């Protein structure tokens, strides 16, 4: 009787783990499809930040380069 309970418990654990794994993989696949196949909702969501990033990007990369050089000697 104890062995049967353990087998059921293990089966439920495996099913729950598989469900969570499949759910996460599905979520990531949907995100990849939206991100890489030019979804209009993502395009309009990130558009306000592109102008800002274009302005600050050279300063960010210069600062990072300076910090890396300072760390290396």
Protein backbone atom coordinates (compact mmCIF):
# COMPACT_ATOMS: atom_id res chain seq x y z
CA UNK A 1 0.00 0.00 0.00
CA UNK A 2 2.85 2.43 0.83
CA UNK A 3 4.57 1.58 -2.44
CA UNK A 4 1.41 2.40 -4.40
CA UNK A 5 1.12 5.78 -2.66
CA UNK A 6 4.74 6.59 -3.48
CA UNK A 7 4.20 5.63 -7.12
CA UNK A 8 1.13 7.88 -7.35
CA UNK A 9 3.01 10.72 -5.68
CA UNK A 10 5.92 10.34 -8.08
CA UNK A 11 3.54 10.22 -11.06
CA UNK A 12 1.81 13.43 -9.94
CA UNK A 13 5.19 15.12 -9.47
CA UNK A 14 6.33 14.10 -12.96
CA UNK A 15 3.06 15.32 -14.52
CA UNK A 16 3.26 18.66 -12.71
CA UNK A 17 6.91 19.12 -13.71
CA UNK A 18 6.09 18.33 -17.35
CA UNK A 19 3.17 20.77 -17.32
CA UNK A 20 5.33 23.58 -15.92
CA UNK A 21 8.14 22.84 -18.38
CA UNK A 22 5.80 22.80 -21.38
CA UNK A 23 4.10 26.00 -20.20
CA UNK A 24 7.43 27.82 -19.90
CA UNK A 25 8.65 26.62 -23.29
CA UNK A 26 5.37 27.73 -24.87
CA UNK A 27 5.66 31.16 -23.28
CA UNK A 28 9.21 31.62 -24.55
CA UNK A 29 8.29 30.45 -28.04
CA UNK A 30 5.41 32.93 -28.20
CA UNK A 31 7.74 35.69 -27.03
CA UNK A 32 10.30 34.77 -29.70
CA UNK A 33 7.67 34.80 -32.41
CA UNK A 34 6.48 38.23 -31.30
CA UNK A 35 10.01 39.58 -30.98
CA UNK A 36 11.51 38.30 -34.21
CA UNK A 37 8.59 38.41 -36.60
CA UNK A 38 8.03 42.15 -36.33
CA UNK A 39 4.95 42.33 -34.19
CA UNK A 40 3.38 45.75 -34.46
CA UNK A 41 2.57 45.83 -30.75
CA UNK A 42 6.24 45.36 -29.81
CA UNK A 43 7.36 47.85 -32.43
CA UNK A 44 5.16 50.59 -30.99
CA UNK A 45 6.10 49.66 -27.45
CA UNK A 46 9.86 50.13 -27.94
CA UNK A 47 9.73 52.98 -30.45
CA UNK A 48 9.84 55.83 -27.87
CA UNK A 49 13.14 54.50 -26.52
CA UNK A 50 15.02 54.21 -29.80
CA UNK A 51 15.64 57.95 -30.15
CA UNK A 52 16.93 58.14 -26.58
CA UNK A 53 19.18 55.12 -27.07
CA UNK A 54 20.64 56.56 -30.26
CA UNK A 55 21.59 59.72 -28.38
CA UNK A 56 23.11 58.08 -25.29
CA UNK A 57 24.65 54.93 -26.82
CA UNK A 58 28.07 56.46 -27.73
CA UNK A 59 28.45 57.83 -24.20
CA UNK A 60 27.50 54.51 -22.62
CA UNK A 61 29.99 52.56 -24.72
CA UNK A 62 32.77 55.11 -24.07
CA UNK A 63 32.14 54.93 -20.32
CA UNK A 64 32.17 51.13 -20.37
CA UNK A 65 35.41 51.12 -22.37
CA UNK A 66 36.99 53.50 -19.84
CA UNK A 67 35.84 51.33 -16.93
CA UNK A 68 37.19 48.15 -18.53
CA UNK A 69 40.54 49.80 -19.23
CA UNK A 70 40.71 51.05 -15.63
CA UNK A 71 40.02 47.55 -14.30
CA UNK A 72 42.63 45.94 -16.53
CA UNK A 73 45.39 48.31 -15.55
